[in-house]
């Protein structure tokens, strides 16, 4: 059963999947990385963060970079792994970056570990 991306139910299911996955190996380039993300949804702005390669609800206090983008684009980039959508969104002005833009470059070069890829596949399966 799929749940709406970024809904409270979705975050609860993602938390369950993360807990069941145990320790997730994270590439070194992502281990110390924290990026705050403001996602524009029909219900208003949703604050999330990418911390050590994992999506979390709310902003990280020490994140040096904040990205703002619409929900459909966030889903394509974060859930579907469509990096070309990220570049197109940035070039078209749909993505706004505040802070240290070099932190985003780490995201483009880092390859997910096998355990991260397996978790992402499970998250994709529950995401509507």
C-alpha atoms as a PDB file:
ATOM      1  CA  UNK A   1       0.000   0.000   0.000  1.00  0.00           C
ATOM      2  CA  UNK A   2       1.425   3.365  -1.057  1.00  0.00           C
ATOM      3  CA  UNK A   3       1.325   6.460   1.101  1.00  0.00           C
ATOM      4  CA  UNK A   4       1.535  10.086   0.059  1.00  0.00           C
ATOM      5  CA  UNK A   5       5.095  11.423  -0.131  1.00  0.00           C
ATOM      6  CA  UNK A   6       5.937  13.591   2.909  1.00  0.00           C
ATOM      7  CA  UNK A   7       2.705  12.820   4.780  1.00  0.00           C
ATOM      8  CA  UNK A   8       2.871  11.977   8.485  1.00  0.00           C
ATOM      9  CA  UNK A   9       1.995   8.380   7.602  1.00  0.00           C
ATOM     10  CA  UNK A  10       4.808   8.274   5.031  1.00  0.00           C
ATOM     11  CA  UNK A  11       7.378   9.503   7.574  1.00  0.00           C
ATOM     12  CA  UNK A  12       6.149   6.887  10.073  1.00  0.00           C
ATOM     13  CA  UNK A  13       6.546   4.097   7.492  1.00  0.00           C
ATOM     14  CA  UNK A  14       9.991   5.353   6.467  1.00  0.00           C
ATOM     15  CA  UNK A  15      11.026   5.348  10.144  1.00  0.00           C
ATOM     16  CA  UNK A  16       9.820   1.737  10.458  1.00  0.00           C
ATOM     17  CA  UNK A  17      11.808   0.715   7.374  1.00  0.00           C
ATOM     18  CA  UNK A  18      14.934   2.468   8.655  1.00  0.00           C
ATOM     19  CA  UNK A  19      14.638   0.786  12.054  1.00  0.00           C
ATOM     20  CA  UNK A  20      14.158  -2.624  10.445  1.00  0.00           C
ATOM     21  CA  UNK A  21      17.183  -2.070   8.199  1.00  0.00           C
ATOM     22  CA  UNK A  22      19.529  -1.699  11.177  1.00  0.00           C
ATOM     23  CA  UNK A  23      22.894  -0.028  10.653  1.00  0.00           C
ATOM     24  CA  UNK A  24      23.045   1.428   7.155  1.00  0.00           C
ATOM     25  CA  UNK A  25      26.473   1.807   5.591  1.00  0.00           C
ATOM     26  CA  UNK A  26      26.872   5.377   4.317  1.00  0.00           C
ATOM     27  CA  UNK A  27      29.526   6.521   1.810  1.00  0.00           C
ATOM     28  CA  UNK A  28      32.208   8.716   3.384  1.00  0.00           C
ATOM     29  CA  UNK A  29      31.149  11.697   1.239  1.00  0.00           C
ATOM     30  CA  UNK A  30      27.702  11.621   2.891  1.00  0.00           C
ATOM     31  CA  UNK A  31      28.635  10.662   6.459  1.00  0.00           C
ATOM     32  CA  UNK A  32      29.020  14.242   7.745  1.00  0.00           C
ATOM     33  CA  UNK A  33      26.659  15.897   5.275  1.00  0.00           C
ATOM     34  CA  UNK A  34      23.514  17.729   6.413  1.00  0.00           C
ATOM     35  CA  UNK A  35      21.249  19.652   4.040  1.00  0.00           C
ATOM     36  CA  UNK A  36      17.952  21.261   4.990  1.00  0.00           C
ATOM     37  CA  UNK A  37      15.165  21.056   2.432  1.00  0.00           C
ATOM     38  CA  UNK A  38      12.014  23.175   2.195  1.00  0.00           C
ATOM     39  CA  UNK A  39       9.424  21.410   0.059  1.00  0.00           C
ATOM     40  CA  UNK A  40       6.454  23.340  -1.306  1.00  0.00           C
ATOM     41  CA  UNK A  41       3.320  21.170  -1.143  1.00  0.00           C
ATOM     42  CA  UNK A  42      -0.372  21.821  -1.706  1.00  0.00           C
ATOM     43  CA  UNK A  43      -0.741  21.864   2.092  1.00  0.00           C
ATOM     44  CA  UNK A  44       2.086  24.390   2.599  1.00  0.00           C
ATOM     45  CA  UNK A  45       5.803  24.105   3.149  1.00  0.00           C
ATOM     46  CA  UNK A  46       7.234  20.878   4.588  1.00  0.00           C
ATOM     47  CA  UNK A  47      10.645  21.008   6.266  1.00  0.00           C
ATOM     48  CA  UNK A  48      12.858  17.959   5.888  1.00  0.00           C
ATOM     49  CA  UNK A  49      16.577  17.306   5.945  1.00  0.00           C
ATOM     50  CA  UNK A  50      19.085  14.954   4.440  1.00  0.00           C
ATOM     51  CA  UNK A  51      21.429  13.913   7.234  1.00  0.00           C
ATOM     52  CA  UNK A  52      24.200  11.363   6.629  1.00  0.00           C
ATOM     53  CA  UNK A  53      22.402  10.164   3.521  1.00  0.00           C
ATOM     54  CA  UNK A  54      19.029   9.663   5.251  1.00  0.00           C
ATOM     55  CA  UNK A  55      15.846  11.705   4.893  1.00  0.00           C
ATOM     56  CA  UNK A  56      14.501  13.051   8.176  1.00  0.00           C
ATOM     57  CA  UNK A  57      11.478  15.081   9.118  1.00  0.00           C
ATOM     58  CA  UNK A  58      12.343  18.635  10.185  1.00  0.00           C
ATOM     59  CA  UNK A  59      15.473  20.698   9.696  1.00  0.00           C
ATOM     60  CA  UNK A  60      18.926  19.815  11.030  1.00  0.00           C
ATOM     61  CA  UNK A  61      20.237  22.536  13.350  1.00  0.00           C
ATOM     62  CA  UNK A  62      23.779  22.477  11.929  1.00  0.00           C
ATOM     63  CA  UNK A  63      23.062  22.193   8.192  1.00  0.00           C
ATOM     64  CA  UNK A  64      25.117  24.747   6.215  1.00  0.00           C
ATOM     65  CA  UNK A  65      22.878  24.512   3.138  1.00  0.00           C
ATOM     66  CA  UNK A  66      19.150  24.871   2.526  1.00  0.00           C
ATOM     67  CA  UNK A  67      17.437  23.822  -0.686  1.00  0.00           C
ATOM     68  CA  UNK A  68      13.900  24.940  -1.583  1.00  0.00           C
ATOM     69  CA  UNK A  69      11.889  23.133  -4.270  1.00  0.00           C
ATOM     70  CA  UNK A  70       8.392  21.901  -5.189  1.00  0.00           C
ATOM     71  CA  UNK A  71       7.137  18.503  -3.959  1.00  0.00           C
ATOM     72  CA  UNK A  72       6.983  16.830  -7.386  1.00  0.00           C
ATOM     73  CA  UNK A  73      10.607  17.707  -8.040  1.00  0.00           C
ATOM     74  CA  UNK A  74      11.668  16.636  -4.521  1.00  0.00           C
ATOM     75  CA  UNK A  75      10.061  13.245  -5.109  1.00  0.00           C
ATOM     76  CA  UNK A  76      11.793  12.799  -8.477  1.00  0.00           C
ATOM     77  CA  UNK A  77      15.191  13.666  -6.989  1.00  0.00           C
ATOM     78  CA  UNK A  78      15.036  12.130  -3.502  1.00  0.00           C
ATOM     79  CA  UNK A  79      12.829   9.079  -4.059  1.00  0.00           C
ATOM     80  CA  UNK A  80      13.174   8.240  -7.740  1.00  0.00           C
ATOM     81  CA  UNK A  81      16.886   9.153  -7.853  1.00  0.00           C
ATOM     82  CA  UNK A  82      16.491  11.295 -10.987  1.00  0.00           C
ATOM     83  CA  UNK A  83      19.618  13.469 -10.875  1.00  0.00           C
ATOM     84  CA  UNK A  84      18.866  15.035 -14.258  1.00  0.00           C
ATOM     85  CA  UNK A  85      15.631  16.396 -12.736  1.00  0.00           C
ATOM     86  CA  UNK A  86      17.747  18.143 -10.114  1.00  0.00           C
ATOM     87  CA  UNK A  87      19.942  19.839 -12.682  1.00  0.00           C
ATOM     88  CA  UNK A  88      16.924  20.811 -14.808  1.00  0.00           C
ATOM     89  CA  UNK A  89      15.115  22.141 -11.736  1.00  0.00           C
ATOM     90  CA  UNK A  90      18.114  24.217 -10.732  1.00  0.00           C
ATOM     91  CA  UNK A  91      18.651  25.607 -14.243  1.00  0.00           C
ATOM     92  CA  UNK A  92      14.936  26.474 -14.601  1.00  0.00           C
ATOM     93  CA  UNK A  93      14.812  28.244 -11.222  1.00  0.00           C
ATOM     94  CA  UNK A  94      12.541  25.677  -9.530  1.00  0.00           C
ATOM     95  CA  UNK A  95      15.309  24.922  -7.016  1.00  0.00           C
ATOM     96  CA  UNK A  96      16.737  27.667  -4.830  1.00  0.00           C
ATOM     97  CA  UNK A  97      19.922  27.136  -2.797  1.00  0.00           C
ATOM     98  CA  UNK A  98      20.879  29.141   0.282  1.00  0.00           C
ATOM     99  CA  UNK A  99      24.223  28.634   1.985  1.00  0.00           C
ATOM    100  CA  UNK A 100      27.132  26.408   0.994  1.00  0.00           C
ATOM    101  CA  UNK A 101      26.373  25.148  -2.510  1.00  0.00           C
ATOM    102  CA  UNK A 102      29.497  22.948  -2.531  1.00  0.00           C
ATOM    103  CA  UNK A 103      27.700  20.568  -0.137  1.00  0.00           C
ATOM    104  CA  UNK A 104      25.292  19.680  -2.954  1.00  0.00           C
ATOM    105  CA  UNK A 105      28.217  18.610  -5.133  1.00  0.00           C
ATOM    106  CA  UNK A 106      28.925  15.801  -2.647  1.00  0.00           C
ATOM    107  CA  UNK A 107      25.438  14.478  -3.331  1.00  0.00           C
ATOM    108  CA  UNK A 108      26.090  14.282  -7.060  1.00  0.00           C
ATOM    109  CA  UNK A 109      29.306  12.302  -6.741  1.00  0.00           C
ATOM    110  CA  UNK A 110      28.408   9.920  -3.906  1.00  0.00           C
ATOM    111  CA  UNK A 111      27.152   6.467  -4.849  1.00  0.00           C
ATOM    112  CA  UNK A 112      24.745   4.866  -2.364  1.00  0.00           C
ATOM    113  CA  UNK A 113      25.933   1.799  -0.499  1.00  0.00           C
ATOM    114  CA  UNK A 114      24.159  -1.507  -1.130  1.00  0.00           C
ATOM    115  CA  UNK A 115      22.244  -1.145   2.143  1.00  0.00           C
ATOM    116  CA  UNK A 116      21.209   2.419   1.269  1.00  0.00           C
ATOM    117  CA  UNK A 117      20.049   1.313  -2.184  1.00  0.00           C
ATOM    118  CA  UNK A 118      18.009  -1.525  -0.645  1.00  0.00           C
ATOM    119  CA  UNK A 119      16.358   0.873   1.806  1.00  0.00           C
ATOM    120  CA  UNK A 120      15.615   3.376  -0.966  1.00  0.00           C
ATOM    121  CA  UNK A 121      13.959   0.614  -2.999  1.00  0.00           C
ATOM    122  CA  UNK A 122      11.693  -0.173  -0.035  1.00  0.00           C
ATOM    123  CA  UNK A 123      10.879   3.536   0.376  1.00  0.00           C
ATOM    124  CA  UNK A 124      10.069   3.800  -3.331  1.00  0.00           C
ATOM    125  CA  UNK A 125       7.649   0.858  -2.983  1.00  0.00           C
ATOM    126  CA  UNK A 126       5.641   2.577  -0.215  1.00  0.00           C
ATOM    127  CA  UNK A 127       5.626   6.047  -1.809  1.00  0.00           C
ATOM    128  CA  UNK A 128       2.658   7.313  -3.794  1.00  0.00           C
END
